Amino acid sequence: MIIFSNDWQNLLSEEFNKEYYQTLRQFLITEYRIKTIYPNMHDIFNALHYTAYQDIKVVILGQVLRTNYSRLS
């Protein structure tokens, strides 16, 4: 499975073949079919398409928490 056309492909190809990733991938495919999920399935690795591994200095991971913004107005 080729996802990237840069150095990320060599770095992550082994992970993509592992059982945990295959299980996660199948789960996400199912969830995307029955629910509205963001980002779009084809945009999950978007940042890696545009930035080569050798250019990365730091990676910040986080989660956007769902809140009810209508209460603010």
N, C-alpha and C. Protein backbone atom coordinates (compact mmCIF):
# COMPACT_ATOMS: atom_id res chain seq x y z
N MET A 1 0.85 -1.17 0.00
CA MET A 1 0.00 0.00 0.00
C MET A 1 0.90 1.24 0.00
N ILE A 2 0.87 1.99 -1.06
CA ILE A 2 1.65 3.22 -1.15
C ILE A 2 0.73 4.39 -0.86
N ILE A 3 1.08 5.13 0.18
CA ILE A 3 0.28 6.28 0.59
C ILE A 3 1.03 7.57 0.30
N PHE A 4 2.33 7.56 0.50
CA PHE A 4 3.14 8.77 0.38
C PHE A 4 4.10 8.66 -0.79
N SER A 5 4.44 9.81 -1.33
CA SER A 5 5.43 9.83 -2.41
C SER A 5 6.72 10.50 -1.93
N ASN A 6 6.93 10.46 -0.61
CA ASN A 6 8.15 11.04 -0.05
C ASN A 6 8.75 10.07 0.97
N ASP A 7 9.66 10.55 1.81
CA ASP A 7 10.39 9.68 2.72
C ASP A 7 9.52 9.04 3.81
N TRP A 8 8.32 9.54 4.04
CA TRP A 8 7.43 8.92 5.03
C TRP A 8 7.07 7.49 4.63
N GLN A 9 6.97 7.22 3.34
CA GLN A 9 6.59 5.88 2.88
C GLN A 9 7.56 4.83 3.42
N ASN A 10 8.86 5.07 3.29
CA ASN A 10 9.85 4.11 3.79
C ASN A 10 9.80 3.97 5.30
N LEU A 11 9.55 5.08 5.99
CA LEU A 11 9.53 5.06 7.45
C LEU A 11 8.30 4.35 8.01
N LEU A 12 7.17 4.46 7.34
CA LEU A 12 5.92 3.94 7.89
C LEU A 12 5.41 2.66 7.23
N SER A 13 5.99 2.24 6.14
CA SER A 13 5.46 1.08 5.41
C SER A 13 5.41 -0.18 6.28
N GLU A 14 6.39 -0.36 7.14
CA GLU A 14 6.39 -1.52 8.04
C GLU A 14 5.22 -1.46 9.02
N GLU A 15 4.94 -0.26 9.54
CA GLU A 15 3.81 -0.08 10.47
C GLU A 15 2.49 -0.39 9.78
N PHE A 16 2.35 0.06 8.53
CA PHE A 16 1.10 -0.15 7.81
C PHE A 16 0.80 -1.62 7.58
N ASN A 17 1.81 -2.46 7.65
CA ASN A 17 1.61 -3.90 7.44
C ASN A 17 1.35 -4.66 8.74
N LYS A 18 1.47 -4.01 9.87
CA LYS A 18 1.27 -4.68 11.16
C LYS A 18 -0.22 -4.91 11.42
N GLU A 19 -0.48 -5.95 12.19
CA GLU A 19 -1.86 -6.36 12.45
C GLU A 19 -2.68 -5.26 13.12
N TYR A 20 -2.11 -4.55 14.10
CA TYR A 20 -2.87 -3.51 14.79
C TYR A 20 -3.32 -2.42 13.82
N TYR A 21 -2.46 -2.08 12.86
CA TYR A 21 -2.81 -1.02 11.91
C TYR A 21 -3.89 -1.51 10.95
N GLN A 22 -3.78 -2.74 10.51
CA GLN A 22 -4.79 -3.30 9.61
C GLN A 22 -6.16 -3.35 10.30
N THR A 23 -6.16 -3.72 11.58
CA THR A 23 -7.40 -3.75 12.36
C THR A 23 -7.97 -2.34 12.50
N LEU A 24 -7.12 -1.38 12.83
CA LEU A 24 -7.55 0.01 12.96
C LEU A 24 -8.08 0.53 11.63
N ARG A 25 -7.41 0.21 10.56
CA ARG A 25 -7.84 0.66 9.22
C ARG A 25 -9.22 0.13 8.88
N GLN A 26 -9.45 -1.15 9.13
CA GLN A 26 -10.77 -1.74 8.85
C GLN A 26 -11.85 -1.09 9.71
N PHE A 27 -11.54 -0.84 10.97
CA PHE A 27 -12.49 -0.16 11.86
C PHE A 27 -12.84 1.22 11.31
N LEU A 28 -11.83 1.98 10.90
CA LEU A 28 -12.08 3.32 10.37
C LEU A 28 -12.86 3.30 9.07
N ILE A 29 -12.59 2.35 8.21
CA ILE A 29 -13.35 2.23 6.96
C ILE A 29 -14.82 2.03 7.27
N THR A 30 -15.12 1.16 8.23
CA THR A 30 -16.51 0.92 8.64
C THR A 30 -17.12 2.18 9.23
N GLU A 31 -16.41 2.84 10.12
CA GLU A 31 -16.93 4.04 10.77
C GLU A 31 -17.19 5.16 9.75
N TYR A 32 -16.30 5.33 8.81
CA TYR A 32 -16.49 6.36 7.78
C TYR A 32 -17.73 6.08 6.94
N ARG A 33 -18.06 4.81 6.75
CA ARG A 33 -19.25 4.46 5.96
C ARG A 33 -20.55 4.81 6.66
N ILE A 34 -20.57 4.70 7.99
CA ILE A 34 -21.84 4.85 8.71
C ILE A 34 -21.95 6.14 9.51
N LYS A 35 -20.87 6.89 9.63
CA LYS A 35 -20.89 8.11 10.44
C LYS A 35 -20.22 9.26 9.70
N THR A 36 -20.46 10.46 10.16
CA THR A 36 -19.76 11.62 9.64
C THR A 36 -18.53 11.83 10.51
N ILE A 37 -17.37 11.73 9.90
CA ILE A 37 -16.11 11.81 10.63
C ILE A 37 -15.20 12.81 9.91
N TYR A 38 -14.53 13.63 10.71
CA TYR A 38 -13.57 14.60 10.18
C TYR A 38 -12.22 14.33 10.80
N PRO A 39 -11.12 14.50 10.07
CA PRO A 39 -11.08 14.92 8.68
C PRO A 39 -11.54 13.80 7.75
N ASN A 40 -11.72 14.14 6.49
CA ASN A 40 -12.06 13.17 5.48
C ASN A 40 -11.03 12.04 5.50
N MET A 41 -11.47 10.83 5.19
CA MET A 41 -10.58 9.67 5.23
C MET A 41 -9.30 9.89 4.43
N HIS A 42 -9.40 10.58 3.32
CA HIS A 42 -8.25 10.78 2.45
C HIS A 42 -7.34 11.92 2.91
N ASP A 43 -7.74 12.59 3.98
CA ASP A 43 -6.94 13.70 4.50
C ASP A 43 -6.25 13.38 5.83
N ILE A 44 -6.38 12.17 6.31
CA ILE A 44 -5.83 11.81 7.63
C ILE A 44 -4.32 12.06 7.69
N PHE A 45 -3.62 11.68 6.65
CA PHE A 45 -2.16 11.84 6.62
C PHE A 45 -1.73 13.05 5.79
N ASN A 46 -2.62 13.99 5.60
CA ASN A 46 -2.36 15.13 4.72
C ASN A 46 -1.08 15.88 5.08
N ALA A 47 -0.83 16.11 6.34
CA ALA A 47 0.37 16.85 6.75
C ALA A 47 1.64 16.15 6.28
N LEU A 48 1.63 14.83 6.27
CA LEU A 48 2.82 14.08 5.87
C LEU A 48 3.06 14.15 4.37
N HIS A 49 2.01 14.40 3.60
CA HIS A 49 2.17 14.57 2.15
C HIS A 49 2.96 15.83 1.83
N TYR A 50 2.78 16.85 2.64
CA TYR A 50 3.35 18.16 2.34
C TYR A 50 4.66 18.45 3.07
N THR A 51 5.04 17.60 4.01
CA THR A 51 6.25 17.84 4.79
C THR A 51 7.10 16.58 4.83
N ALA A 52 8.30 16.67 4.34
CA ALA A 52 9.21 15.54 4.37
C ALA A 52 9.66 15.27 5.81
N TYR A 53 9.92 14.02 6.11
CA TYR A 53 10.36 13.64 7.45
C TYR A 53 11.61 14.41 7.86
N GLN A 54 12.53 14.54 6.94
CA GLN A 54 13.81 15.22 7.25
C GLN A 54 13.62 16.69 7.60
N ASP A 55 12.47 17.26 7.26
CA ASP A 55 12.20 18.67 7.57
C ASP A 55 11.45 18.87 8.89
N ILE A 56 11.06 17.78 9.54
CA ILE A 56 10.28 17.86 10.78
C ILE A 56 11.21 18.20 11.95
N LYS A 57 10.81 19.17 12.74
CA LYS A 57 11.57 19.55 13.94
C LYS A 57 10.84 19.11 15.20
N VAL A 58 9.51 19.21 15.19
CA VAL A 58 8.71 18.83 16.35
C VAL A 58 7.32 18.43 15.85
N VAL A 59 6.69 17.51 16.56
CA VAL A 59 5.33 17.10 16.25
C VAL A 59 4.49 17.28 17.50
N ILE A 60 3.41 18.01 17.38
CA ILE A 60 2.50 18.22 18.50
C ILE A 60 1.22 17.47 18.21
N LEU A 61 0.88 16.54 19.08
CA LEU A 61 -0.34 15.76 18.93
C LEU A 61 -1.37 16.24 19.93
N GLY A 62 -2.59 16.28 19.52
CA GLY A 62 -3.64 16.72 20.43
C GLY A 62 -4.99 16.26 19.95
N GLN A 63 -5.97 16.55 20.74
CA GLN A 63 -7.34 16.16 20.43
C GLN A 63 -8.22 17.39 20.58
N VAL A 64 -9.04 17.62 19.59
CA VAL A 64 -10.00 18.71 19.67
C VAL A 64 -11.23 18.16 20.36
N LEU A 65 -11.54 18.73 21.50
CA LEU A 65 -12.69 18.25 22.26
C LEU A 65 -13.96 18.86 21.71
N ARG A 66 -14.99 18.05 21.63
CA ARG A 66 -16.29 18.55 21.18
C ARG A 66 -16.94 19.32 22.31
N THR A 67 -17.39 20.50 21.99
CA THR A 67 -18.15 21.28 22.97
C THR A 67 -19.37 21.84 22.27
N ASN A 68 -20.30 22.26 23.04
CA ASN A 68 -21.53 22.82 22.50
C ASN A 68 -21.35 24.33 22.37
N TYR A 69 -20.90 24.78 21.21
CA TYR A 69 -20.63 26.20 21.00
C TYR A 69 -21.90 27.04 20.96
N SER A 70 -23.04 26.43 20.73
CA SER A 70 -24.28 27.21 20.66
C SER A 70 -24.60 27.83 22.02
N ARG A 71 -24.08 27.29 23.08
CA ARG A 71 -24.32 27.85 24.41
C ARG A 71 -23.58 29.17 24.61
N LEU A 72 -22.59 29.43 23.77
CA LEU A 72 -21.80 30.65 23.93
C LEU A 72 -22.49 31.88 23.36
N SER A 73 -23.47 31.69 22.50
CA SER A 73 -24.12 32.84 21.87
C SER A 73 -25.37 33.29 22.58
